[in-house]
Amino acid sequence: MGLLHRRKNKKFDYEPRYYKSSDGSRPFEIKHKFDDQRKTVQKTNLKGKFNNAIDDFRQGSDANVRTRIYVIIIVLVALFLWLMDFDLSIFSGR
């Protein structure tokens, strides 16, 4: 009589959320908002992420952004050298 087994629900045909369809894609795949525009989400190792970030920096930035970044780096290095009392006289020939 089946007292030890549960009755199978025949009215409700459940498909799990992450099932693969016939063409191999997942119809309810959860993705981040900007995954289609970013290149840094494709490689998972550190070298791949670094190379993709450098490529994005080279392709996506304009000259004003690069100039601004270089000026900020120069100012920070000069500020660090000034705080450490670095003497520039070691570069002179005397």
PDB file of N, CA and C in Angstrom:
ATOM      1  N   MET A   1       0.814  -1.199   0.000  1.00  0.00           N
ATOM      2  CA  MET A   1       0.000   0.000   0.000  1.00  0.00           C
ATOM      3  C   MET A   1       0.852   1.257   0.000  1.00  0.00           C
ATOM      4  N   GLY A   2       2.123   1.142   0.232  1.00  0.00           N
ATOM      5  CA  GLY A   2       2.965   2.317   0.177  1.00  0.00           C
ATOM      6  C   GLY A   2       2.938   3.151   1.426  1.00  0.00           C
ATOM      7  N   LEU A   3       2.831   2.547   2.570  1.00  0.00           N
ATOM      8  CA  LEU A   3       2.794   3.318   3.808  1.00  0.00           C
ATOM      9  C   LEU A   3       4.151   3.939   4.148  1.00  0.00           C
ATOM     10  N   LEU A   4       5.211   3.340   3.661  1.00  0.00           N
ATOM     11  CA  LEU A   4       6.544   3.854   3.980  1.00  0.00           C
ATOM     12  C   LEU A   4       7.053   4.873   2.961  1.00  0.00           C
ATOM     13  N   HIS A   5       6.361   5.014   1.853  1.00  0.00           N
ATOM     14  CA  HIS A   5       6.806   5.940   0.815  1.00  0.00           C
ATOM     15  C   HIS A   5       5.850   7.121   0.719  1.00  0.00           C
ATOM     16  N   ARG A   6       6.423   8.274   0.396  1.00  0.00           N
ATOM     17  CA  ARG A   6       5.570   9.444   0.193  1.00  0.00           C
ATOM     18  C   ARG A   6       4.925   9.398  -1.178  1.00  0.00           C
ATOM     19  N   ARG A   7       3.791   9.995  -1.274  1.00  0.00           N
ATOM     20  CA  ARG A   7       3.080  10.055  -2.532  1.00  0.00           C
ATOM     21  C   ARG A   7       3.728  11.114  -3.430  1.00  0.00           C
ATOM     22  N   LYS A   8       3.923  10.820  -4.697  1.00  0.00           N
ATOM     23  CA  LYS A   8       4.534  11.754  -5.625  1.00  0.00           C
ATOM     24  C   LYS A   8       3.502  12.800  -6.055  1.00  0.00           C
ATOM     25  N   ASN A   9       3.919  14.057  -6.029  1.00  0.00           N
ATOM     26  CA  ASN A   9       3.051  15.145  -6.440  1.00  0.00           C
ATOM     27  C   ASN A   9       3.036  15.202  -7.965  1.00  0.00           C
ATOM     28  N   LYS A  10       1.916  14.890  -8.568  1.00  0.00           N
ATOM     29  CA  LYS A  10       1.819  14.852 -10.015  1.00  0.00           C
ATOM     30  C   LYS A  10       1.215  16.126 -10.590  1.00  0.00           C
ATOM     31  N   LYS A  11       0.716  16.999  -9.749  1.00  0.00           N
ATOM     32  CA  LYS A  11       0.068  18.214 -10.236  1.00  0.00           C
ATOM     33  C   LYS A  11       1.060  19.353 -10.469  1.00  0.00           C
ATOM     34  N   PHE A  12       2.163  19.334  -9.764  1.00  0.00           N
ATOM     35  CA  PHE A  12       3.090  20.455  -9.818  1.00  0.00           C
ATOM     36  C   PHE A  12       4.393  20.000 -10.457  1.00  0.00           C
ATOM     37  N   ASP A  13       4.718  20.529 -11.625  1.00  0.00           N
ATOM     38  CA  ASP A  13       5.948  20.167 -12.331  1.00  0.00           C
ATOM     39  C   ASP A  13       6.982  21.256 -12.063  1.00  0.00           C
ATOM     40  N   TYR A  14       7.875  21.003 -11.147  1.00  0.00           N
ATOM     41  CA  TYR A  14       8.833  22.013 -10.693  1.00  0.00           C
ATOM     42  C   TYR A  14      10.124  21.928 -11.490  1.00  0.00           C
ATOM     43  N   GLU A  15      10.580  23.059 -11.994  1.00  0.00           N
ATOM     44  CA  GLU A  15      11.898  23.173 -12.613  1.00  0.00           C
ATOM     45  C   GLU A  15      12.772  23.988 -11.667  1.00  0.00           C
ATOM     46  N   PRO A  16      13.939  23.514 -11.310  1.00  0.00           N
ATOM     47  CA  PRO A  16      14.791  24.284 -10.404  1.00  0.00           C
ATOM     48  C   PRO A  16      15.256  25.590 -11.039  1.00  0.00           C
ATOM     49  N   ARG A  17      15.661  26.508 -10.207  1.00  0.00           N
ATOM     50  CA  ARG A  17      16.002  27.843 -10.676  1.00  0.00           C
ATOM     51  C   ARG A  17      17.223  27.843 -11.585  1.00  0.00           C
ATOM     52  N   TYR A  18      18.176  26.975 -11.325  1.00  0.00           N
ATOM     53  CA  TYR A  18      19.428  26.998 -12.070  1.00  0.00           C
ATOM     54  C   TYR A  18      19.529  25.842 -13.061  1.00  0.00           C
ATOM     55  N   TYR A  19      18.444  25.430 -13.666  1.00  0.00           N
ATOM     56  CA  TYR A  19      18.501  24.318 -14.610  1.00  0.00           C
ATOM     57  C   TYR A  19      19.071  24.798 -15.928  1.00  0.00           C
ATOM     58  N   LYS A  20      19.644  23.861 -16.661  1.00  0.00           N
ATOM     59  CA  LYS A  20      20.162  24.184 -17.990  1.00  0.00           C
ATOM     60  C   LYS A  20      19.107  23.810 -19.014  1.00  0.00           C
ATOM     61  N   SER A  21      18.842  24.717 -19.926  1.00  0.00           N
ATOM     62  CA  SER A  21      17.828  24.459 -20.942  1.00  0.00           C
ATOM     63  C   SER A  21      18.430  23.612 -22.063  1.00  0.00           C
ATOM     64  N   SER A  22      17.654  23.368 -23.100  1.00  0.00           N
ATOM     65  CA  SER A  22      18.097  22.481 -24.173  1.00  0.00           C
ATOM     66  C   SER A  22      19.273  23.065 -24.956  1.00  0.00           C
ATOM     67  N   ASP A  23      19.371  24.393 -25.048  1.00  0.00           N
ATOM     68  CA  ASP A  23      20.489  24.986 -25.785  1.00  0.00           C
ATOM     69  C   ASP A  23      21.720  25.213 -24.909  1.00  0.00           C
ATOM     70  N   GLY A  24      21.698  24.805 -23.656  1.00  0.00           N
ATOM     71  CA  GLY A  24      22.860  24.879 -22.788  1.00  0.00           C
ATOM     72  C   GLY A  24      22.951  26.134 -21.945  1.00  0.00           C
ATOM     73  N   SER A  25      22.080  27.095 -22.188  1.00  0.00           N
ATOM     74  CA  SER A  25      22.127  28.327 -21.401  1.00  0.00           C
ATOM     75  C   SER A  25      21.190  28.221 -20.206  1.00  0.00           C
ATOM     76  N   ARG A  26      21.405  29.081 -19.263  1.00  0.00           N
ATOM     77  CA  ARG A  26      20.552  29.117 -18.078  1.00  0.00           C
ATOM     78  C   ARG A  26      19.615  30.317 -18.198  1.00  0.00           C
ATOM     79  N   PRO A  27      18.330  30.093 -18.260  1.00  0.00           N
ATOM     80  CA  PRO A  27      17.409  31.211 -18.489  1.00  0.00           C
ATOM     81  C   PRO A  27      17.288  32.157 -17.304  1.00  0.00           C
ATOM     82  N   PHE A  28      17.534  31.670 -16.102  1.00  0.00           N
ATOM     83  CA  PHE A  28      17.392  32.514 -14.919  1.00  0.00           C
ATOM     84  C   PHE A  28      18.747  32.773 -14.278  1.00  0.00           C
ATOM     85  N   GLU A  29      19.773  32.953 -15.080  1.00  0.00           N
ATOM     86  CA  GLU A  29      21.116  33.155 -14.551  1.00  0.00           C
ATOM     87  C   GLU A  29      21.223  34.537 -13.915  1.00  0.00           C
ATOM     88  N   ILE A  30      21.784  34.578 -12.731  1.00  0.00           N
ATOM     89  CA  ILE A  30      21.951  35.839 -12.015  1.00  0.00           C
ATOM     90  C   ILE A  30      23.320  36.398 -12.358  1.00  0.00           C
ATOM     91  N   LYS A  31      23.356  37.590 -12.950  1.00  0.00           N
ATOM     92  CA  LYS A  31      24.615  38.222 -13.322  1.00  0.00           C
ATOM     93  C   LYS A  31      24.691  39.592 -12.664  1.00  0.00           C
ATOM     94  N   HIS A  32      25.911  40.097 -12.606  1.00  0.00           N
ATOM     95  CA  HIS A  32      26.086  41.449 -12.111  1.00  0.00           C
ATOM     96  C   HIS A  32      25.579  42.443 -13.147  1.00  0.00           C
ATOM     97  N   LYS A  33      25.425  43.669 -12.722  1.00  0.00           N
ATOM     98  CA  LYS A  33      24.805  44.674 -13.568  1.00  0.00           C
ATOM     99  C   LYS A  33      25.666  45.030 -14.785  1.00  0.00           C
ATOM    100  N   PHE A  34      26.989  45.099 -14.612  1.00  0.00           N
ATOM    101  CA  PHE A  34      27.864  45.578 -15.676  1.00  0.00           C
ATOM    102  C   PHE A  34      28.781  44.489 -16.230  1.00  0.00           C
ATOM    103  N   ASP A  35      28.405  43.229 -16.105  1.00  0.00           N
ATOM    104  CA  ASP A  35      29.260  42.143 -16.588  1.00  0.00           C
ATOM    105  C   ASP A  35      29.458  42.177 -18.097  1.00  0.00           C
ATOM    106  N   ASP A  36      28.481  42.646 -18.838  1.00  0.00           N
ATOM    107  CA  ASP A  36      28.605  42.665 -20.291  1.00  0.00           C
ATOM    108  C   ASP A  36      29.583  43.733 -20.766  1.00  0.00           C
ATOM    109  N   GLN A  37      29.764  44.797 -19.989  1.00  0.00           N
ATOM    110  CA  GLN A  37      30.656  45.878 -20.396  1.00  0.00           C
ATOM    111  C   GLN A  37      32.085  45.691 -19.895  1.00  0.00           C
ATOM    112  N   ARG A  38      32.277  44.905 -18.851  1.00  0.00           N
ATOM    113  CA  ARG A  38      33.603  44.743 -18.256  1.00  0.00           C
ATOM    114  C   ARG A  38      34.356  43.587 -18.872  1.00  0.00           C
ATOM    115  N   LYS A  39      35.672  43.757 -18.946  1.00  0.00           N
ATOM    116  CA  LYS A  39      36.509  42.653 -19.371  1.00  0.00           C
ATOM    117  C   LYS A  39      37.160  41.973 -18.182  1.00  0.00           C
ATOM    118  N   THR A  40      37.135  42.585 -17.014  1.00  0.00           N
ATOM    119  CA  THR A  40      37.863  42.061 -15.864  1.00  0.00           C
ATOM    120  C   THR A  40      37.151  40.906 -15.175  1.00  0.00           C
ATOM    121  N   VAL A  41      35.938  40.584 -15.555  1.00  0.00           N
ATOM    122  CA  VAL A  41      35.233  39.492 -14.895  1.00  0.00           C
ATOM    123  C   VAL A  41      35.444  38.156 -15.588  1.00  0.00           C
ATOM    124  N   GLN A  42      36.135  38.148 -16.719  1.00  0.00           N
ATOM    125  CA  GLN A  42      36.268  36.903 -17.457  1.00  0.00           C
ATOM    126  C   GLN A  42      37.374  36.015 -16.913  1.00  0.00           C
ATOM    127  N   LYS A  43      38.525  36.544 -16.605  1.00  0.00           N
ATOM    128  CA  LYS A  43      39.634  35.754 -16.081  1.00  0.00           C
ATOM    129  C   LYS A  43      39.581  35.798 -14.561  1.00  0.00           C
ATOM    130  N   THR A  44      39.828  34.662 -13.923  1.00  0.00           N
ATOM    131  CA  THR A  44      39.714  34.626 -12.473  1.00  0.00           C
ATOM    132  C   THR A  44      41.057  34.676 -11.767  1.00  0.00           C
ATOM    133  N   ASN A  45      42.163  34.428 -12.482  1.00  0.00           N
ATOM    134  CA  ASN A  45      43.445  34.476 -11.803  1.00  0.00           C
ATOM    135  C   ASN A  45      43.944  35.912 -11.711  1.00  0.00           C
ATOM    136  N   LEU A  46      44.921  36.133 -10.865  1.00  0.00           N
ATOM    137  CA  LEU A  46      45.389  37.486 -10.577  1.00  0.00           C
ATOM    138  C   LEU A  46      46.058  38.123 -11.789  1.00  0.00           C
ATOM    139  N   LYS A  47      46.847  37.357 -12.529  1.00  0.00           N
ATOM    140  CA  LYS A  47      47.532  37.895 -13.700  1.00  0.00           C
ATOM    141  C   LYS A  47      46.527  38.304 -14.781  1.00  0.00           C
ATOM    142  N   GLY A  48      45.502  37.494 -14.993  1.00  0.00           N
ATOM    143  CA  GLY A  48      44.487  37.827 -15.988  1.00  0.00           C
ATOM    144  C   GLY A  48      43.706  39.067 -15.615  1.00  0.00           C
ATOM    145  N   LYS A  49      43.377  39.201 -14.329  1.00  0.00           N
ATOM    146  CA  LYS A  49      42.668  40.398 -13.880  1.00  0.00           C
ATOM    147  C   LYS A  49      43.529  41.641 -14.051  1.00  0.00           C
ATOM    148  N   PHE A  50      44.814  41.514 -13.706  1.00  0.00           N
ATOM    149  CA  PHE A  50      45.718  42.660 -13.826  1.00  0.00           C
ATOM    150  C   PHE A  50      45.886  43.063 -15.288  1.00  0.00           C
ATOM    151  N   ASN A  51      46.080  42.091 -16.178  1.00  0.00           N
ATOM    152  CA  ASN A  51      46.233  42.402 -17.601  1.00  0.00           C
ATOM    153  C   ASN A  51      44.967  43.023 -18.182  1.00  0.00           C
ATOM    154  N   ASN A  52      43.803  42.528 -17.802  1.00  0.00           N
ATOM    155  CA  ASN A  52      42.548  43.111 -18.290  1.00  0.00           C
ATOM    156  C   ASN A  52      42.348  44.525 -17.766  1.00  0.00           C
ATOM    157  N   ALA A  53      42.728  44.769 -16.510  1.00  0.00           N
ATOM    158  CA  ALA A  53      42.595  46.115 -15.956  1.00  0.00           C
ATOM    159  C   ALA A  53      43.533  47.085 -16.662  1.00  0.00           C
ATOM    160  N   ILE A  54      44.746  46.653 -16.978  1.00  0.00           N
ATOM    161  CA  ILE A  54      45.690  47.513 -17.706  1.00  0.00           C
ATOM    162  C   ILE A  54      45.167  47.796 -19.111  1.00  0.00           C
ATOM    163  N   ASP A  55      44.614  46.789 -19.782  1.00  0.00           N
ATOM    164  CA  ASP A  55      44.042  47.001 -21.117  1.00  0.00           C
ATOM    165  C   ASP A  55      42.875  47.983 -21.070  1.00  0.00           C
ATOM    166  N   ASP A  56      42.009  47.855 -20.066  1.00  0.00           N
ATOM    167  CA  ASP A  56      40.901  48.799 -19.919  1.00  0.00           C
ATOM    168  C   ASP A  56      41.410  50.205 -19.663  1.00  0.00           C
ATOM    169  N   PHE A  57      42.469  50.318 -18.872  1.00  0.00           N
ATOM    170  CA  PHE A  57      43.027  51.639 -18.574  1.00  0.00           C
ATOM    171  C   PHE A  57      43.605  52.269 -19.830  1.00  0.00           C
ATOM    172  N   ARG A  58      44.275  51.480 -20.663  1.00  0.00           N
ATOM    173  CA  ARG A  58      44.887  52.019 -21.882  1.00  0.00           C
ATOM    174  C   ARG A  58      43.839  52.394 -22.919  1.00  0.00           C
ATOM    175  N   GLN A  59      42.797  51.612 -23.046  1.00  0.00           N
ATOM    176  CA  GLN A  59      41.805  51.862 -24.083  1.00  0.00           C
ATOM    177  C   GLN A  59      40.740  52.866 -23.661  1.00  0.00           C
ATOM    178  N   GLY A  60      40.338  52.837 -22.406  1.00  0.00           N
ATOM    179  CA  GLY A  60      39.172  53.603 -22.005  1.00  0.00           C
ATOM    180  C   GLY A  60      39.437  55.003 -21.499  1.00  0.00           C
ATOM    181  N   SER A  61      40.694  55.341 -21.215  1.00  0.00           N
ATOM    182  CA  SER A  61      40.939  56.652 -20.623  1.00  0.00           C
ATOM    183  C   SER A  61      41.400  57.642 -21.682  1.00  0.00           C
ATOM    184  N   ASP A  62      41.099  58.886 -21.456  1.00  0.00           N
ATOM    185  CA  ASP A  62      41.539  59.916 -22.378  1.00  0.00           C
ATOM    186  C   ASP A  62      42.782  60.609 -21.817  1.00  0.00           C
ATOM    187  N   ALA A  63      43.311  61.564 -22.551  1.00  0.00           N
ATOM    188  CA  ALA A  63      44.575  62.213 -22.179  1.00  0.00           C
ATOM    189  C   ALA A  63      44.428  63.037 -20.901  1.00  0.00           C
ATOM    190  N   ASN A  64      43.261  63.625 -20.671  1.00  0.00           N
ATOM    191  CA  ASN A  64      43.076  64.443 -19.466  1.00  0.00           C
ATOM    192  C   ASN A  64      43.165  63.603 -18.197  1.00  0.00           C
ATOM    193  N   VAL A  65      42.612  62.422 -18.243  1.00  0.00           N
ATOM    194  CA  VAL A  65      42.643  61.551 -17.065  1.00  0.00           C
ATOM    195  C   VAL A  65      44.062  61.094 -16.790  1.00  0.00           C
ATOM    196  N   ARG A  66      44.793  60.721 -17.824  1.00  0.00           N
ATOM    197  CA  ARG A  66      46.182  60.297 -17.641  1.00  0.00           C
ATOM    198  C   ARG A  66      47.031  61.429 -17.086  1.00  0.00           C
ATOM    199  N   THR A  67      46.867  62.619 -17.627  1.00  0.00           N
ATOM    200  CA  THR A  67      47.640  63.764 -17.139  1.00  0.00           C
ATOM    201  C   THR A  67      47.315  64.039 -15.680  1.00  0.00           C
ATOM    202  N   ARG A  68      46.070  63.973 -15.321  1.00  0.00           N
ATOM    203  CA  ARG A  68      45.666  64.202 -13.939  1.00  0.00           C
ATOM    204  C   ARG A  68      46.263  63.150 -13.000  1.00  0.00           C
ATOM    205  N   ILE A  69      46.267  61.897 -13.427  1.00  0.00           N
ATOM    206  CA  ILE A  69      46.848  60.830 -12.601  1.00  0.00           C
ATOM    207  C   ILE A  69      48.345  61.032 -12.440  1.00  0.00           C
ATOM    208  N   TYR A  70      49.040  61.396 -13.526  1.00  0.00           N
ATOM    209  CA  TYR A  70      50.483  61.634 -13.429  1.00  0.00           C
ATOM    210  C   TYR A  70      50.796  62.797 -12.501  1.00  0.00           C
ATOM    211  N   VAL A  71      50.018  63.861 -12.561  1.00  0.00           N
ATOM    212  CA  VAL A  71      50.242  65.014 -11.681  1.00  0.00           C
ATOM    213  C   VAL A  71      50.014  64.619 -10.227  1.00  0.00           C
ATOM    214  N   ILE A  72      48.977  63.852  -9.967  1.00  0.00           N
ATOM    215  CA  ILE A  72      48.703  63.414  -8.588  1.00  0.00           C
ATOM    216  C   ILE A  72      49.843  62.545  -8.065  1.00  0.00           C
ATOM    217  N   ILE A  73      50.357  61.646  -8.901  1.00  0.00           N
ATOM    218  CA  ILE A  73      51.470  60.788  -8.473  1.00  0.00           C
ATOM    219  C   ILE A  73      52.717  61.613  -8.197  1.00  0.00           C
ATOM    220  N   ILE A  74      53.021  62.577  -9.055  1.00  0.00           N
ATOM    221  CA  ILE A  74      54.202  63.427  -8.848  1.00  0.00           C
ATOM    222  C   ILE A  74      54.065  64.240  -7.575  1.00  0.00           C
ATOM    223  N   VAL A  75      52.885  64.784  -7.313  1.00  0.00           N
ATOM    224  CA  VAL A  75      52.671  65.571  -6.090  1.00  0.00           C
ATOM    225  C   VAL A  75      52.815  64.684  -4.855  1.00  0.00           C
ATOM    226  N   LEU A  76      52.279  63.486  -4.892  1.00  0.00           N
ATOM    227  CA  LEU A  76      52.397  62.590  -3.738  1.00  0.00           C
ATOM    228  C   LEU A  76      53.842  62.159  -3.493  1.00  0.00           C
ATOM    229  N   VAL A  77      54.591  61.888  -4.553  1.00  0.00           N
ATOM    230  CA  VAL A  77      56.008  61.528  -4.388  1.00  0.00           C
ATOM    231  C   VAL A  77      56.789  62.710  -3.838  1.00  0.00           C
ATOM    232  N   ALA A  78      56.532  63.915  -4.355  1.00  0.00           N
ATOM    233  CA  ALA A  78      57.226  65.105  -3.849  1.00  0.00           C
ATOM    234  C   ALA A  78      56.875  65.356  -2.388  1.00  0.00           C
ATOM    235  N   LEU A  79      55.628  65.165  -2.015  1.00  0.00           N
ATOM    236  CA  LEU A  79      55.214  65.347  -0.625  1.00  0.00           C
ATOM    237  C   LEU A  79      55.896  64.323   0.281  1.00  0.00           C
ATOM    238  N   PHE A  80      55.992  63.095  -0.170  1.00  0.00           N
ATOM    239  CA  PHE A  80      56.677  62.062   0.613  1.00  0.00           C
ATOM    240  C   PHE A  80      58.154  62.396   0.788  1.00  0.00           C
ATOM    241  N   LEU A  81      58.807  62.813  -0.300  1.00  0.00           N
ATOM    242  CA  LEU A  81      60.229  63.163  -0.199  1.00  0.00           C
ATOM    243  C   LEU A  81      60.434  64.376   0.704  1.00  0.00           C
ATOM    244  N   TRP A  82      59.523  65.337   0.663  1.00  0.00           N
ATOM    245  CA  TRP A  82      59.636  66.515   1.526  1.00  0.00           C
ATOM    246  C   TRP A  82      59.453  66.132   2.997  1.00  0.00           C
ATOM    247  N   LEU A  83      58.491  65.237   3.275  1.00  0.00           N
ATOM    248  CA  LEU A  83      58.273  64.800   4.655  1.00  0.00           C
ATOM    249  C   LEU A  83      59.448  63.986   5.189  1.00  0.00           C
ATOM    250  N   MET A  84      60.132  63.266   4.333  1.00  0.00           N
ATOM    251  CA  MET A  84      61.277  62.465   4.754  1.00  0.00           C
ATOM    252  C   MET A  84      62.570  63.283   4.766  1.00  0.00           C
ATOM    253  N   ASP A  85      62.503  64.582   4.500  1.00  0.00           N
ATOM    254  CA  ASP A  85      63.660  65.492   4.443  1.00  0.00           C
ATOM    255  C   ASP A  85      64.712  64.988   3.466  1.00  0.00           C
ATOM    256  N   PHE A  86      64.269  64.640   2.288  1.00  0.00           N
ATOM    257  CA  PHE A  86      65.185  64.163   1.251  1.00  0.00           C
ATOM    258  C   PHE A  86      65.952  65.344   0.693  1.00  0.00           C
ATOM    259  N   ASP A  87      67.264  65.189   0.607  1.00  0.00           N
ATOM    260  CA  ASP A  87      68.128  66.272   0.142  1.00  0.00           C
ATOM    261  C   ASP A  87      68.476  66.028  -1.321  1.00  0.00           C
ATOM    262  N   LEU A  88      68.154  66.975  -2.187  1.00  0.00           N
ATOM    263  CA  LEU A  88      68.417  66.838  -3.615  1.00  0.00           C
ATOM    264  C   LEU A  88      69.860  67.168  -3.972  1.00  0.00           C
ATOM    265  N   SER A  89      70.663  67.591  -3.012  1.00  0.00           N
ATOM    266  CA  SER A  89      72.045  67.959  -3.315  1.00  0.00           C
ATOM    267  C   SER A  89      72.906  66.738  -3.646  1.00  0.00           C
ATOM    268  N   ILE A  90      72.437  65.543  -3.408  1.00  0.00           N
ATOM    269  CA  ILE A  90      73.224  64.359  -3.748  1.00  0.00           C
ATOM    270  C   ILE A  90      73.298  64.156  -5.260  1.00  0.00           C
ATOM    271  N   PHE A  91      72.419  64.805  -6.013  1.00  0.00           N
ATOM    272  CA  PHE A  91      72.440  64.679  -7.461  1.00  0.00           C
ATOM    273  C   PHE A  91      73.323  65.724  -8.125  1.00  0.00           C
ATOM    274  N   SER A  92      73.800  66.691  -7.379  1.00  0.00           N
ATOM    275  CA  SER A  92      74.674  67.713  -7.970  1.00  0.00           C
ATOM    276  C   SER A  92      76.097  67.166  -8.059  1.00  0.00           C
ATOM    277  N   GLY A  93      76.896  67.748  -8.947  1.00  0.00           N
ATOM    278  CA  GLY A  93      78.247  67.247  -9.191  1.00  0.00           C
ATOM    279  C   GLY A  93      79.263  67.697  -8.163  1.00  0.00           C
ATOM    280  N   ARG A  94      78.938  68.565  -7.285  1.00  0.00           N
ATOM    281  CA  ARG A  94      79.917  69.090  -6.321  1.00  0.00           C
ATOM    282  C   ARG A  94      80.069  68.243  -5.124  1.00  0.00           C
TER     283      ARG A  94
END
